[in-house]
Amino acid sequence: MPATKLTVPFYGHVRQYHNIKAEIDANIKEVLESGQYVLGPMLKKFEAELAEFHGTRYAIGVGNGTDALWLTFKALGIGPGDECITTTNTFFATAEAIWFTGATVVFVDSDPRTNCIDPSKIEAAITPRTKLLVPVHLYGQCADMKAIRKIADKHNLKVVEDNAQAIGARGNGFKIGELSDAATVSFIIQKNLGTFGDGGAIVTNNPEIDRIARKLRNHGSDKRSCHSIGYNSRLDDLHAGILSAKLKHIAEWSELRRKWAALYSQGLATAKNITLPYETPGYYHVYHLYVIETRQAKHRDPLLQFLNDAGIDAKCHYPIAIHQQEGYPWGHGARISGAIPNSERNAACCISLPMFPELTEEQVDYTVDKVLEWDRSAR
């Protein structure tokens, strides 16, 4: 165990840049010297690479992950009067993107082990107005897409996967994007595949979603100077070049995340006051976040403070569930179906330990040591 105080950051962006600096800089230089910075050849190259990575026919680069969601919803015709089912223990943008269309968000509870949407809660929430299911692959693990697809087929519903956190993850016998109408990706720097700023994408096998989303991202245009109503949401070529360089390393980085997660879980196995992440058998979890939960909500903030004081930049994702946010539109486009104790517990008890490929074993050991030190004192 480390004998002295260490500093353990939450992110490794700068370390990652220096590790593949030559590749990133070469792509940036190529874009700058091409003179084509928006909807140019580097974006087309990256879109082809991203589609191949997901095993889909199409990939559409857009301005950010939120736009990826709501432009997909728009391409599917979601709008006022429609209902869309998702979970509340996720980032606000998942619901926000539904509200952008004018549709109603219906929240159901999450699975108590994975914290992804609980398929067993979905059918009770379906009404004649339900049009869309939006599972979130939370923390880097796939939701149960086989069960979700079965429900969608039974009720003739569309499915869009919010894959902001799980690029490269797999389920037992399925890939992300395979059992849905589309999946969306976020490329903000914190993600497993992140650029130096904002970015997002839609991946799909549906030619109509591809056609409509491409028009919507570019002021409704698919031909120069010819427009219909659309938006300005394009992934620029500089970001595409950075992401293209990084995409080649994503499998290696996922394996490193899994290595650190295994060391965390092994080291923390004896802790009495926390619950460790659950990986569904047969699934490939990519650990965008390594999230522990205190067994009692009252212990979460003291543990978080203890770790921060020890130099460990632990954080909370997401400590305020969407329906508990000040900006939650009660009475305007939202309702909860049934009780949601698992989602509320997850929000109240969650702590994210530092997780990025460039961590060191010493930093992981130090973090484990400090969590166990707190755990002993909490007994």
Protein backbone atom coordinates (compact mmCIF):
# COMPACT_ATOMS: atom_id res chain seq x y z
CA MET A 1 0.00 0.00 0.00
CA PRO A 2 1.26 3.55 -0.71
CA ALA A 3 2.88 4.98 2.43
CA THR A 4 2.43 8.66 1.60
CA LYS A 5 -0.39 10.86 0.40
CA LEU A 6 -0.94 10.74 -3.33
CA THR A 7 -2.90 12.90 -5.72
CA VAL A 8 -5.35 10.87 -7.78
CA PRO A 9 -7.09 12.94 -10.47
CA PHE A 10 -10.47 11.98 -11.87
CA TYR A 11 -9.52 12.49 -15.52
CA GLY A 12 -6.45 11.63 -17.59
CA HIS A 13 -7.02 13.88 -20.62
CA VAL A 14 -3.57 15.44 -20.73
CA ARG A 15 -1.77 12.14 -20.11
CA GLN A 16 -3.79 10.60 -22.93
CA TYR A 17 -2.95 13.43 -25.31
CA HIS A 18 0.78 13.09 -24.65
CA ASN A 19 0.59 9.32 -25.17
CA ILE A 20 -0.76 9.68 -28.74
CA LYS A 21 0.27 13.27 -29.43
CA ALA A 22 1.90 12.51 -32.78
CA GLU A 23 -1.26 10.86 -34.14
CA ILE A 24 -3.59 13.62 -32.96
CA ASP A 25 -1.30 16.41 -34.14
CA ALA A 26 -0.93 14.78 -37.57
CA ASN A 27 -4.71 14.70 -38.06
CA ILE A 28 -5.11 18.29 -36.88
CA LYS A 29 -2.39 19.38 -39.30
CA GLU A 30 -4.09 17.48 -42.12
CA VAL A 31 -7.37 19.28 -41.46
CA LEU A 32 -5.76 22.71 -41.15
CA GLU A 33 -3.86 22.28 -44.40
CA SER A 34 -6.92 20.94 -46.24
CA GLY A 35 -8.79 24.22 -45.85
CA GLN A 36 -12.01 22.23 -45.26
CA TYR A 37 -13.13 22.48 -41.67
CA VAL A 38 -16.90 21.83 -41.70
CA LEU A 39 -18.52 18.81 -43.42
CA GLY A 40 -15.14 18.09 -44.98
CA PRO A 41 -13.18 14.95 -45.81
CA MET A 42 -11.97 14.28 -42.25
CA LEU A 43 -15.54 14.18 -40.97
CA LYS A 44 -16.54 11.78 -43.75
CA LYS A 45 -13.55 9.59 -42.89
CA PHE A 46 -14.40 9.51 -39.19
CA GLU A 47 -18.10 8.83 -39.84
CA ALA A 48 -17.11 5.80 -41.93
CA GLU A 49 -14.76 4.58 -39.18
CA LEU A 50 -17.40 5.07 -36.50
CA ALA A 51 -20.04 3.18 -38.48
CA GLU A 52 -17.60 0.32 -39.04
CA PHE A 53 -16.73 0.27 -35.34
CA HIS A 54 -20.42 -0.08 -34.39
CA GLY A 55 -21.27 -2.44 -37.25
CA THR A 56 -23.93 -0.03 -38.55
CA ARG A 57 -24.56 1.28 -42.05
CA TYR A 58 -24.44 4.94 -41.07
CA ALA A 59 -22.86 7.37 -38.62
CA ILE A 60 -23.76 11.08 -38.53
CA GLY A 61 -21.48 13.51 -36.69
CA VAL A 62 -23.32 16.28 -34.81
CA GLY A 63 -22.50 19.07 -32.39
CA ASN A 64 -22.89 17.17 -29.11
CA GLY A 65 -24.52 14.18 -27.47
CA THR A 66 -27.69 16.07 -26.56
CA ASP A 67 -28.22 17.10 -30.17
CA ALA A 68 -27.59 13.51 -31.22
CA LEU A 69 -30.54 12.44 -29.08
CA TRP A 70 -33.07 15.06 -30.03
CA LEU A 71 -32.19 15.12 -33.74
CA THR A 72 -32.75 11.35 -33.73
CA PHE A 73 -36.09 11.85 -31.99
CA LYS A 74 -37.02 14.49 -34.59
CA ALA A 75 -35.99 12.15 -37.41
CA LEU A 76 -38.35 9.53 -35.94
CA GLY A 77 -41.19 12.05 -35.88
CA ILE A 78 -41.46 12.29 -32.09
CA GLY A 79 -43.39 15.38 -31.03
CA PRO A 80 -46.23 16.87 -28.94
CA GLY A 81 -48.71 14.27 -27.75
CA ASP A 82 -46.17 11.45 -27.76
CA GLU A 83 -44.73 9.73 -24.68
CA CYS A 84 -41.17 8.46 -24.33
CA ILE A 85 -40.09 6.09 -21.55
CA THR A 86 -36.68 6.37 -19.88
CA THR A 87 -35.05 6.50 -16.42
CA THR A 88 -34.43 9.37 -14.02
CA ASN A 89 -30.99 8.38 -12.61
CA THR A 90 -29.01 9.69 -15.55
CA PHE A 91 -27.73 13.00 -16.91
CA PHE A 92 -30.44 15.62 -17.42
CA ALA A 93 -29.89 15.71 -21.19
CA THR A 94 -31.63 12.37 -21.75
CA ALA A 95 -34.97 13.82 -20.66
CA GLU A 96 -34.14 17.31 -21.90
CA ALA A 97 -33.76 16.04 -25.46
CA ILE A 98 -37.24 14.52 -25.28
CA TRP A 99 -38.68 17.79 -23.97
CA PHE A 100 -37.06 19.63 -26.89
CA THR A 101 -39.41 17.73 -29.21
CA GLY A 102 -42.48 18.68 -27.17
CA ALA A 103 -43.08 15.07 -26.13
CA THR A 104 -43.76 13.82 -22.60
CA VAL A 105 -41.10 11.99 -20.59
CA VAL A 106 -42.29 8.98 -18.60
CA PHE A 107 -39.85 7.78 -15.95
CA VAL A 108 -39.66 4.18 -14.76
CA ASP A 109 -37.37 2.64 -12.16
CA SER A 110 -33.91 1.24 -12.75
CA ASP A 111 -32.60 -2.26 -12.14
CA PRO A 112 -31.24 -2.44 -8.55
CA ARG A 113 -28.01 -4.14 -9.69
CA THR A 114 -27.04 -2.50 -12.99
CA ASN A 115 -28.82 0.86 -12.42
CA CYS A 116 -29.89 0.73 -16.09
CA ILE A 117 -33.59 0.83 -16.98
CA ASP A 118 -35.53 -2.11 -15.55
CA PRO A 119 -37.36 -3.83 -18.45
CA SER A 120 -39.87 -5.34 -16.02
CA LYS A 121 -41.16 -1.82 -15.24
CA ILE A 122 -41.67 -0.70 -18.83
CA GLU A 123 -44.94 -2.36 -19.88
CA ALA A 124 -46.91 -0.87 -16.97
CA ALA A 125 -45.89 2.59 -18.21
CA ILE A 126 -47.04 2.08 -21.81
CA THR A 127 -50.16 3.94 -22.94
CA PRO A 128 -51.71 4.51 -26.39
CA ARG A 129 -49.51 7.64 -26.58
CA THR A 130 -46.22 5.80 -26.04
CA LYS A 131 -43.98 5.96 -29.10
CA LEU A 132 -40.40 5.52 -27.91
CA LEU A 133 -38.18 3.70 -25.41
CA VAL A 134 -34.88 5.39 -24.46
CA PRO A 135 -32.62 3.03 -22.49
CA VAL A 136 -29.43 4.57 -21.12
CA HIS A 137 -26.30 2.42 -21.00
CA LEU A 138 -25.29 3.81 -17.64
CA TYR A 139 -21.69 3.98 -16.40
CA GLY A 140 -20.41 1.87 -19.31
CA GLN A 141 -22.71 -1.19 -19.20
CA CYS A 142 -25.44 -2.10 -21.68
CA ALA A 143 -29.04 -2.17 -20.61
CA ASP A 144 -30.92 -5.42 -21.28
CA MET A 145 -31.57 -4.71 -24.95
CA LYS A 146 -32.96 -8.16 -25.74
CA ALA A 147 -35.79 -7.67 -23.26
CA ILE A 148 -36.30 -4.06 -24.38
CA ARG A 149 -36.45 -5.04 -28.05
CA LYS A 150 -39.03 -7.73 -27.26
CA ILE A 151 -41.25 -5.17 -25.51
CA ALA A 152 -40.82 -2.68 -28.36
CA ASP A 153 -41.80 -5.26 -30.97
CA LYS A 154 -44.84 -6.33 -28.95
CA HIS A 155 -46.12 -2.74 -28.69
CA ASN A 156 -44.82 -1.39 -32.01
CA LEU A 157 -42.47 1.12 -30.36
CA LYS A 158 -39.27 2.79 -31.53
CA VAL A 159 -36.05 2.39 -29.53
CA VAL A 160 -33.15 4.86 -29.28
CA GLU A 161 -30.14 3.89 -27.16
CA ASP A 162 -28.51 6.71 -25.19
CA ASN A 163 -24.94 5.48 -25.49
CA ALA A 164 -23.13 8.54 -24.17
CA GLN A 165 -21.26 6.39 -21.64
CA ALA A 166 -20.68 2.95 -23.13
CA ILE A 167 -18.95 3.13 -26.51
CA GLY A 168 -17.41 -0.26 -27.16
CA ALA A 169 -19.58 -2.08 -24.62
CA ARG A 170 -21.42 -5.25 -25.59
CA GLY A 171 -24.28 -7.30 -24.27
CA ASN A 172 -24.64 -11.07 -24.21
CA GLY A 173 -25.06 -11.77 -27.92
CA PHE A 174 -25.68 -8.20 -29.10
CA LYS A 175 -23.82 -5.00 -29.90
CA ILE A 176 -25.00 -1.47 -29.20
CA GLY A 177 -26.99 -0.24 -32.20
CA GLU A 178 -28.01 -3.72 -33.28
CA LEU A 179 -31.37 -3.98 -31.48
CA SER A 180 -32.58 -0.38 -31.81
CA ASP A 181 -33.58 2.15 -34.42
CA ALA A 182 -30.50 4.21 -33.56
CA ALA A 183 -27.91 4.80 -30.87
CA THR A 184 -26.39 8.14 -29.92
CA VAL A 185 -22.86 8.95 -28.79
CA SER A 186 -21.32 11.83 -26.85
CA PHE A 187 -17.73 12.92 -27.48
CA ILE A 188 -17.29 15.52 -24.75
CA ILE A 189 -13.80 15.16 -23.29
CA GLN A 190 -14.93 13.17 -20.21
CA LYS A 191 -16.20 10.26 -22.32
CA ASN A 192 -14.27 7.07 -23.10
CA LEU A 193 -13.87 8.47 -26.62
CA GLY A 194 -13.67 12.22 -26.13
CA THR A 195 -12.57 15.20 -28.17
CA PHE A 196 -11.15 18.48 -26.88
CA GLY A 197 -14.55 20.11 -26.55
CA ASP A 198 -18.07 19.06 -27.56
CA GLY A 199 -19.14 16.53 -30.13
CA GLY A 200 -21.65 13.77 -30.75
CA ALA A 201 -22.91 11.28 -33.29
CA ILE A 202 -25.86 9.11 -34.32
CA VAL A 203 -25.29 5.54 -35.50
CA THR A 204 -28.07 3.68 -37.27
CA ASN A 205 -28.98 1.12 -39.90
CA ASN A 206 -32.07 3.11 -40.89
CA PRO A 207 -31.57 5.08 -44.15
CA GLU A 208 -34.42 7.48 -43.32
CA ILE A 209 -32.92 8.43 -39.95
CA ASP A 210 -29.60 8.97 -41.73
CA ARG A 211 -31.16 11.11 -44.44
CA ILE A 212 -33.30 13.24 -42.13
CA ALA A 213 -30.64 13.70 -39.44
CA ARG A 214 -28.08 14.86 -42.00
CA LYS A 215 -30.51 17.49 -43.22
CA LEU A 216 -31.53 18.58 -39.72
CA ARG A 217 -27.91 19.07 -38.58
CA ASN A 218 -27.24 21.46 -41.48
CA HIS A 219 -30.14 23.96 -41.59
CA GLY A 220 -32.40 21.46 -43.34
CA SER A 221 -30.09 21.27 -46.33
CA ASP A 222 -28.92 18.32 -48.38
CA LYS A 223 -28.02 20.50 -51.37
CA ARG A 224 -26.07 23.76 -51.35
CA SER A 225 -28.30 26.85 -50.91
CA CYS A 226 -31.46 24.73 -50.66
CA HIS A 227 -32.95 24.68 -47.14
CA SER A 228 -35.93 23.66 -45.09
CA ILE A 229 -36.30 24.15 -41.33
CA GLY A 230 -33.33 22.62 -39.59
CA TYR A 231 -30.58 23.38 -37.10
CA ASN A 232 -26.87 24.09 -36.88
CA SER A 233 -25.31 21.04 -35.26
CA ARG A 234 -22.29 19.73 -37.13
CA LEU A 235 -19.25 17.88 -35.82
CA ASP A 236 -16.40 19.92 -37.29
CA ASP A 237 -13.43 18.32 -38.99
CA LEU A 238 -10.91 19.25 -36.30
CA HIS A 239 -12.87 17.30 -33.71
CA ALA A 240 -13.39 14.49 -36.22
CA GLY A 241 -9.62 14.29 -36.72
CA ILE A 242 -8.96 14.08 -32.98
CA LEU A 243 -11.62 11.39 -32.60
CA SER A 244 -10.33 9.43 -35.59
CA ALA A 245 -6.89 9.26 -33.96
CA LYS A 246 -8.37 8.16 -30.65
CA LEU A 247 -10.82 5.60 -32.05
CA LYS A 248 -7.90 3.36 -33.02
CA HIS A 249 -7.04 3.01 -29.32
CA ILE A 250 -10.51 2.59 -27.82
CA ALA A 251 -10.30 -1.22 -27.49
CA GLU A 252 -6.97 -0.94 -25.65
CA TRP A 253 -8.34 1.80 -23.38
CA SER A 254 -11.45 -0.24 -22.60
CA GLU A 255 -9.24 -3.13 -21.49
CA LEU A 256 -7.27 -0.80 -19.20
CA ARG A 257 -10.49 0.50 -17.67
CA ARG A 258 -11.57 -3.08 -17.05
CA LYS A 259 -8.19 -3.84 -15.48
CA TRP A 260 -8.50 -0.95 -13.02
CA ALA A 261 -12.13 -1.87 -12.29
CA ALA A 262 -11.09 -5.44 -11.47
CA LEU A 263 -8.39 -4.16 -9.09
CA TYR A 264 -10.89 -1.85 -7.41
CA SER A 265 -13.40 -4.67 -6.99
CA GLN A 266 -10.80 -7.11 -5.72
CA GLY A 267 -9.40 -4.63 -3.23
CA LEU A 268 -12.79 -3.43 -1.97
CA ALA A 269 -14.40 -6.86 -1.68
CA THR A 270 -14.19 -6.84 2.13
CA ALA A 271 -15.80 -3.41 2.59
CA LYS A 272 -18.96 -3.58 4.71
CA ASN A 273 -20.51 -0.15 4.10
CA ILE A 274 -20.42 0.09 0.31
CA THR A 275 -21.83 -1.79 -2.67
CA LEU A 276 -19.60 -2.43 -5.68
CA PRO A 277 -20.55 -2.18 -9.38
CA TYR A 278 -22.34 -5.17 -10.87
CA GLU A 279 -21.37 -6.54 -14.28
CA THR A 280 -24.09 -8.58 -15.93
CA PRO A 281 -22.79 -12.08 -16.79
CA GLY A 282 -21.82 -12.33 -20.45
CA TYR A 283 -21.71 -8.53 -20.88
CA TYR A 284 -18.65 -6.40 -21.65
CA HIS A 285 -18.66 -3.39 -19.28
CA VAL A 286 -16.32 -0.54 -20.36
CA TYR A 287 -16.42 1.36 -17.04
CA HIS A 288 -16.89 4.91 -18.18
CA LEU A 289 -17.40 5.34 -14.45
CA TYR A 290 -16.58 3.04 -11.55
CA VAL A 291 -19.48 3.77 -9.22
CA ILE A 292 -19.73 2.48 -5.67
CA GLU A 293 -22.73 3.13 -3.44
CA THR A 294 -22.75 3.65 0.29
CA ARG A 295 -25.25 1.36 1.97
CA GLN A 296 -26.79 4.37 3.71
CA ALA A 297 -27.38 7.73 2.04
CA LYS A 298 -26.08 9.56 5.12
CA HIS A 299 -22.62 8.06 4.53
CA ARG A 300 -22.20 9.22 0.93
CA ASP A 301 -21.09 12.81 1.55
CA PRO A 302 -18.77 11.94 4.48
CA LEU A 303 -17.01 9.30 2.37
CA LEU A 304 -16.75 11.68 -0.58
CA GLN A 305 -15.24 14.37 1.62
CA PHE A 306 -12.84 11.87 3.22
CA LEU A 307 -11.55 10.83 -0.21
CA ASN A 308 -11.23 14.40 -1.46
CA ASP A 309 -9.30 15.37 1.68
CA ALA A 310 -6.96 12.45 1.00
CA GLY A 311 -6.14 13.83 -2.46
CA ILE A 312 -8.51 11.54 -4.38
CA ASP A 313 -10.74 13.46 -6.78
CA ALA A 314 -13.82 11.24 -6.39
CA LYS A 315 -17.12 12.68 -7.66
CA CYS A 316 -20.86 11.94 -7.77
CA HIS A 317 -22.70 10.96 -10.96
CA TYR A 318 -25.62 11.79 -10.67
CA PRO A 319 -26.45 12.90 -7.12
CA ILE A 320 -29.72 14.63 -8.02
CA ALA A 321 -32.13 12.50 -10.03
CA ILE A 322 -33.85 14.27 -12.92
CA HIS A 323 -37.24 14.40 -11.22
CA GLN A 324 -35.57 16.00 -8.18
CA GLN A 325 -33.94 18.82 -10.19
CA GLU A 326 -35.16 22.39 -9.78
CA GLY A 327 -35.68 22.56 -13.53
CA TYR A 328 -37.88 19.48 -13.68
CA PRO A 329 -41.13 20.48 -15.46
CA TRP A 330 -43.75 19.06 -13.14
CA GLY A 331 -47.13 19.29 -14.81
CA HIS A 332 -45.52 20.05 -18.17
CA GLY A 333 -44.33 17.10 -20.17
CA ALA A 334 -43.37 14.59 -17.50
CA ARG A 335 -44.75 11.88 -15.26
CA ILE A 336 -43.47 8.98 -13.17
CA SER A 337 -44.83 5.47 -13.64
CA GLY A 338 -44.88 3.61 -10.34
CA ALA A 339 -42.40 3.95 -7.51
CA ILE A 340 -38.72 4.51 -8.33
CA PRO A 341 -36.83 3.53 -5.17
CA ASN A 342 -33.83 2.07 -6.99
CA SER A 343 -33.22 5.21 -9.03
CA GLU A 344 -33.58 7.41 -5.96
CA ARG A 345 -31.23 5.17 -3.94
CA ASN A 346 -28.65 5.24 -6.71
CA ALA A 347 -28.73 9.05 -6.84
CA ALA A 348 -28.50 9.41 -3.05
CA CYS A 349 -25.67 6.92 -2.46
CA CYS A 350 -23.42 7.01 -5.54
CA ILE A 351 -19.70 7.89 -5.60
CA SER A 352 -17.52 7.64 -8.71
CA LEU A 353 -13.93 6.66 -8.01
CA PRO A 354 -11.22 7.90 -10.42
CA MET A 355 -11.39 5.88 -13.63
CA PHE A 356 -9.39 6.47 -16.80
CA PRO A 357 -6.98 4.32 -18.84
CA GLU A 358 -3.88 6.23 -17.74
CA LEU A 359 -4.36 5.49 -14.03
CA THR A 360 -1.48 3.74 -12.29
CA GLU A 361 -1.63 0.70 -10.05
CA GLU A 362 -0.24 2.82 -7.24
CA GLN A 363 -3.12 5.29 -7.58
CA VAL A 364 -5.70 2.50 -7.60
CA ASP A 365 -4.12 0.85 -4.55
CA TYR A 366 -4.05 4.17 -2.71
CA THR A 367 -7.72 4.81 -3.48
CA VAL A 368 -8.67 1.30 -2.31
CA ASP A 369 -6.65 1.82 0.88
CA LYS A 370 -8.45 5.07 1.68
CA VAL A 371 -11.94 3.66 1.01
CA LEU A 372 -11.16 0.74 3.32
CA GLU A 373 -9.80 3.12 5.96
CA TRP A 374 -13.08 5.03 5.90
CA ASP A 375 -15.06 1.78 5.88
CA ARG A 376 -13.35 0.57 9.05
CA SER A 377 -14.08 3.84 10.80
CA ALA A 378 -17.73 3.79 9.69
CA ARG A 379 -18.43 0.42 11.31
